[in-house]
Each structure stands twice: as C-alpha cells, then as structure tokens.
Amino acid sequence: MSPVEALDNPEGARVNIRKAQPINLKKQKPYKVGDTVRITRAKSIFEKGSTKNWTEEIFNIVKVKKTPQGYIYRLTDYDGEPITSVFYHDEVFAVKRPDLYKIEKIIKTRINPNTRKTEYLSSDR
C-alpha cells in the first residue's frame, strides 16, 4: 500500500500493519511477580566474546505488563531499590536463589587452614 493509498484508507493501513507484526506471545512464557532474574550485560566493541553475557547481580520482578511486542518487566535489585528502566522478555533470564556466594576476601585464617573467616560479595550474608 502506497502512502497516498494509506491516507485515503487509514483503517486498511492499520489492518496491514497488524498483519505484518509477528506476535510471539504464545511462545513466550511470562515470568511471575517475585521471580528472581539476571539481566543482559552490554558488551563494548573491543570486549572478548568469552566474557559473560549476563550480570552477576540478581534482581526481583515487581511488575509484569503485556504489550503487542511482548512482555515487559519492572525490576528491583536485591536490596529492594527500583530499577528505572523496563526490560523485555529476551533481556531477562530466570535463576534460582544462589546457594553459593563468591568470597570477596579472607579476613582471618586460623592455625587450621580449613577454618577461615570470610567476607562475601553478596550483601545479605
């Protein structure tokens, strides 16, 4: 349909646009409010391909909204502070709460080398 024909018949143009947009909502299974997710990490041009694509930080889903383009999610970080932007379904990845935490540094080692006082990277430990 040409632009002139679209001006003459706007309803027909809307129908053509809706037919052209693929709806992938049937394939996508929405995450629920309260699920824990990771988000994609943007890489720079000169960054190695072997670096991680997902963030180490874990976020909670606060709100789920269904749009014609797919589901969008509002997130909060682990401490409950809201994230200003919204994320599409392809930009989040569901994870379970981790049982293992990364160690930031060893504070104290006793005579027995297996007994250590450690400080964790996660703020809830």
C-alpha atoms as a PDB file:
ATOM      1  CA  MET A   1       0.000   0.000   0.000  1.00  0.00           C
ATOM      2  CA  SER A   2       1.454   3.348  -1.007  1.00  0.00           C
ATOM      3  CA  PRO A   3       1.427   6.396   1.303  1.00  0.00           C
ATOM      4  CA  VAL A   4      -1.296   8.050  -0.794  1.00  0.00           C
ATOM      5  CA  GLU A   5      -3.499   4.952  -0.530  1.00  0.00           C
ATOM      6  CA  ALA A   6      -2.865   4.861   3.239  1.00  0.00           C
ATOM      7  CA  LEU A   7      -4.116   8.451   3.550  1.00  0.00           C
ATOM      8  CA  ASP A   8      -7.283   7.537   1.654  1.00  0.00           C
ATOM      9  CA  ASN A   9      -7.882   4.325   3.610  1.00  0.00           C
ATOM     10  CA  PRO A  10      -6.359   4.615   7.141  1.00  0.00           C
ATOM     11  CA  GLU A  11      -8.286   1.638   8.537  1.00  0.00           C
ATOM     12  CA  GLY A  12      -6.900  -0.633   5.825  1.00  0.00           C
ATOM     13  CA  ALA A  13      -3.395   0.603   6.610  1.00  0.00           C
ATOM     14  CA  ARG A  14      -3.846  -0.294  10.298  1.00  0.00           C
ATOM     15  CA  VAL A  15      -5.004  -3.789   9.353  1.00  0.00           C
ATOM     16  CA  ASN A  16      -1.941  -4.257   7.128  1.00  0.00           C
ATOM     17  CA  ILE A  17       0.398  -3.107   9.910  1.00  0.00           C
ATOM     18  CA  ARG A  18      -1.132  -5.518  12.428  1.00  0.00           C
ATOM     19  CA  LYS A  19      -0.843  -8.411   9.976  1.00  0.00           C
ATOM     20  CA  ALA A  20       2.831  -7.602   9.419  1.00  0.00           C
ATOM     21  CA  GLN A  21       3.747  -7.671  13.129  1.00  0.00           C
ATOM     22  CA  PRO A  22       4.506 -11.189  14.332  1.00  0.00           C
ATOM     23  CA  ILE A  23       3.064 -11.988  17.720  1.00  0.00           C
ATOM     24  CA  ASN A  24       5.412 -14.199  19.720  1.00  0.00           C
ATOM     25  CA  LEU A  25       3.411 -14.051  22.935  1.00  0.00           C
ATOM     26  CA  LYS A  26       2.304 -17.668  22.531  1.00  0.00           C
ATOM     27  CA  LYS A  27       5.936 -18.823  22.548  1.00  0.00           C
ATOM     28  CA  GLN A  28       6.922 -16.643  25.494  1.00  0.00           C
ATOM     29  CA  LYS A  29       6.013 -17.871  28.935  1.00  0.00           C
ATOM     30  CA  PRO A  30       5.844 -14.819  31.190  1.00  0.00           C
ATOM     31  CA  TYR A  31       7.765 -14.717  34.437  1.00  0.00           C
ATOM     32  CA  LYS A  32       5.739 -14.080  37.565  1.00  0.00           C
ATOM     33  CA  VAL A  33       5.987 -11.264  40.080  1.00  0.00           C
ATOM     34  CA  GLY A  34       8.555 -12.231  42.695  1.00  0.00           C
ATOM     35  CA  ASP A  35      10.740 -14.342  40.376  1.00  0.00           C
ATOM     36  CA  THR A  36      14.489 -13.769  40.551  1.00  0.00           C
ATOM     37  CA  VAL A  37      16.227 -12.923  37.278  1.00  0.00           C
ATOM     38  CA  ARG A  38      19.508 -11.744  35.797  1.00  0.00           C
ATOM     39  CA  ILE A  39      19.671  -9.139  33.023  1.00  0.00           C
ATOM     40  CA  THR A  40      21.778  -8.975  29.879  1.00  0.00           C
ATOM     41  CA  ARG A  41      25.066  -7.145  30.055  1.00  0.00           C
ATOM     42  CA  ALA A  42      26.022  -4.829  27.219  1.00  0.00           C
ATOM     43  CA  LYS A  43      29.425  -5.575  25.724  1.00  0.00           C
ATOM     44  CA  SER A  44      31.700  -2.993  24.178  1.00  0.00           C
ATOM     45  CA  ILE A  45      33.115  -3.354  20.678  1.00  0.00           C
ATOM     46  CA  PHE A  46      36.584  -4.413  21.846  1.00  0.00           C
ATOM     47  CA  GLU A  47      35.450  -6.825  24.556  1.00  0.00           C
ATOM     48  CA  LYS A  48      36.210 -10.529  24.236  1.00  0.00           C
ATOM     49  CA  GLY A  49      33.418 -12.827  23.185  1.00  0.00           C
ATOM     50  CA  SER A  50      34.212 -15.211  26.035  1.00  0.00           C
ATOM     51  CA  THR A  51      33.117 -12.740  28.724  1.00  0.00           C
ATOM     52  CA  LYS A  52      29.789 -13.256  30.436  1.00  0.00           C
ATOM     53  CA  ASN A  53      26.596 -12.082  28.759  1.00  0.00           C
ATOM     54  CA  TRP A  54      24.552 -11.886  31.975  1.00  0.00           C
ATOM     55  CA  THR A  55      25.103  -9.807  35.104  1.00  0.00           C
ATOM     56  CA  GLU A  56      26.233 -11.354  38.376  1.00  0.00           C
ATOM     57  CA  GLU A  57      23.658  -9.289  40.272  1.00  0.00           C
ATOM     58  CA  ILE A  58      20.236 -10.821  40.877  1.00  0.00           C
ATOM     59  CA  PHE A  59      17.015  -8.811  40.523  1.00  0.00           C
ATOM     60  CA  ASN A  60      13.392  -9.384  41.555  1.00  0.00           C
ATOM     61  CA  ILE A  61      10.400  -8.858  39.252  1.00  0.00           C
ATOM     62  CA  VAL A  62       7.936  -6.316  40.643  1.00  0.00           C
ATOM     63  CA  LYS A  63       5.539  -5.770  37.728  1.00  0.00           C
ATOM     64  CA  VAL A  64       4.692  -7.652  34.513  1.00  0.00           C
ATOM     65  CA  LYS A  65       2.965  -5.927  31.577  1.00  0.00           C
ATOM     66  CA  LYS A  66       1.746  -7.493  28.336  1.00  0.00           C
ATOM     67  CA  THR A  67       2.341  -5.403  25.195  1.00  0.00           C
ATOM     68  CA  PRO A  68       1.953  -6.212  21.478  1.00  0.00           C
ATOM     69  CA  GLN A  69       5.755  -6.554  21.227  1.00  0.00           C
ATOM     70  CA  GLY A  70       5.961  -8.977  24.169  1.00  0.00           C
ATOM     71  CA  TYR A  71       6.104  -8.933  27.941  1.00  0.00           C
ATOM     72  CA  ILE A  72       7.970  -6.165  29.766  1.00  0.00           C
ATOM     73  CA  TYR A  73       9.187  -6.326  33.349  1.00  0.00           C
ATOM     74  CA  ARG A  74       9.895  -3.789  36.099  1.00  0.00           C
ATOM     75  CA  LEU A  75      12.672  -4.890  38.428  1.00  0.00           C
ATOM     76  CA  THR A  76      14.146  -4.115  41.818  1.00  0.00           C
ATOM     77  CA  ASP A  77      17.628  -5.053  42.929  1.00  0.00           C
ATOM     78  CA  TYR A  78      18.297  -7.471  45.785  1.00  0.00           C
ATOM     79  CA  ASP A  79      18.061  -4.667  48.363  1.00  0.00           C
ATOM     80  CA  GLY A  80      14.637  -3.543  47.086  1.00  0.00           C
ATOM     81  CA  GLU A  81      15.704  -0.387  45.234  1.00  0.00           C
ATOM     82  CA  PRO A  82      13.708   0.025  41.980  1.00  0.00           C
ATOM     83  CA  ILE A  83      15.449  -0.025  38.585  1.00  0.00           C
ATOM     84  CA  THR A  84      14.396   2.937  36.427  1.00  0.00           C
ATOM     85  CA  SER A  85      14.221   1.140  33.069  1.00  0.00           C
ATOM     86  CA  VAL A  86      11.981  -1.721  31.940  1.00  0.00           C
ATOM     87  CA  PHE A  87      13.220  -4.939  30.345  1.00  0.00           C
ATOM     88  CA  TYR A  88      11.771  -7.111  27.587  1.00  0.00           C
ATOM     89  CA  HIS A  89      11.373 -10.865  27.925  1.00  0.00           C
ATOM     90  CA  ASP A  90      14.540 -11.528  25.900  1.00  0.00           C
ATOM     91  CA  GLU A  91      16.637  -9.315  28.197  1.00  0.00           C
ATOM     92  CA  VAL A  92      15.957 -11.239  31.428  1.00  0.00           C
ATOM     93  CA  PHE A  93      16.872 -14.782  32.449  1.00  0.00           C
ATOM     94  CA  ALA A  94      15.211 -16.627  35.350  1.00  0.00           C
ATOM     95  CA  VAL A  95      17.520 -18.008  38.039  1.00  0.00           C
ATOM     96  CA  LYS A  96      17.114 -19.665  41.403  1.00  0.00           C
ATOM     97  CA  ARG A  97      18.445 -18.005  44.523  1.00  0.00           C
ATOM     98  CA  PRO A  98      22.116 -18.933  44.731  1.00  0.00           C
ATOM     99  CA  ASP A  99      23.274 -21.355  47.403  1.00  0.00           C
ATOM    100  CA  LEU A 100      26.919 -20.476  46.828  1.00  0.00           C
ATOM    101  CA  TYR A 101      28.269 -16.957  47.191  1.00  0.00           C
ATOM    102  CA  LYS A 102      31.531 -15.545  45.875  1.00  0.00           C
ATOM    103  CA  ILE A 103      34.104 -14.626  48.509  1.00  0.00           C
ATOM    104  CA  GLU A 104      35.398 -11.064  48.351  1.00  0.00           C
ATOM    105  CA  LYS A 105      38.335 -11.569  50.710  1.00  0.00           C
ATOM    106  CA  ILE A 106      39.557 -13.803  53.539  1.00  0.00           C
ATOM    107  CA  ILE A 107      39.557 -11.766  56.730  1.00  0.00           C
ATOM    108  CA  LYS A 108      41.303 -14.168  59.088  1.00  0.00           C
ATOM    109  CA  THR A 109      42.930 -17.628  58.853  1.00  0.00           C
ATOM    110  CA  ARG A 110      43.497 -19.719  61.961  1.00  0.00           C
ATOM    111  CA  ILE A 111      46.134 -22.385  62.542  1.00  0.00           C
ATOM    112  CA  ASN A 112      43.937 -24.912  60.758  1.00  0.00           C
ATOM    113  CA  PRO A 113      43.915 -23.667  57.128  1.00  0.00           C
ATOM    114  CA  ASN A 114      40.397 -25.052  56.597  1.00  0.00           C
ATOM    115  CA  THR A 115      38.959 -22.664  59.208  1.00  0.00           C
ATOM    116  CA  ARG A 116      38.627 -19.200  57.692  1.00  0.00           C
ATOM    117  CA  LYS A 117      36.668 -16.079  58.434  1.00  0.00           C
ATOM    118  CA  THR A 118      35.406 -14.707  55.119  1.00  0.00           C
ATOM    119  CA  GLU A 119      33.605 -11.685  53.727  1.00  0.00           C
ATOM    120  CA  TYR A 120      31.077 -12.384  50.961  1.00  0.00           C
ATOM    121  CA  LEU A 121      30.256 -10.251  47.920  1.00  0.00           C
ATOM    122  CA  SER A 122      26.515 -10.635  48.500  1.00  0.00           C
ATOM    123  CA  SER A 123      25.055  -8.064  50.875  1.00  0.00           C
ATOM    124  CA  ASP A 124      22.601 -10.440  52.613  1.00  0.00           C
ATOM    125  CA  ARG A 125      25.257 -12.767  54.094  1.00  0.00           C
END
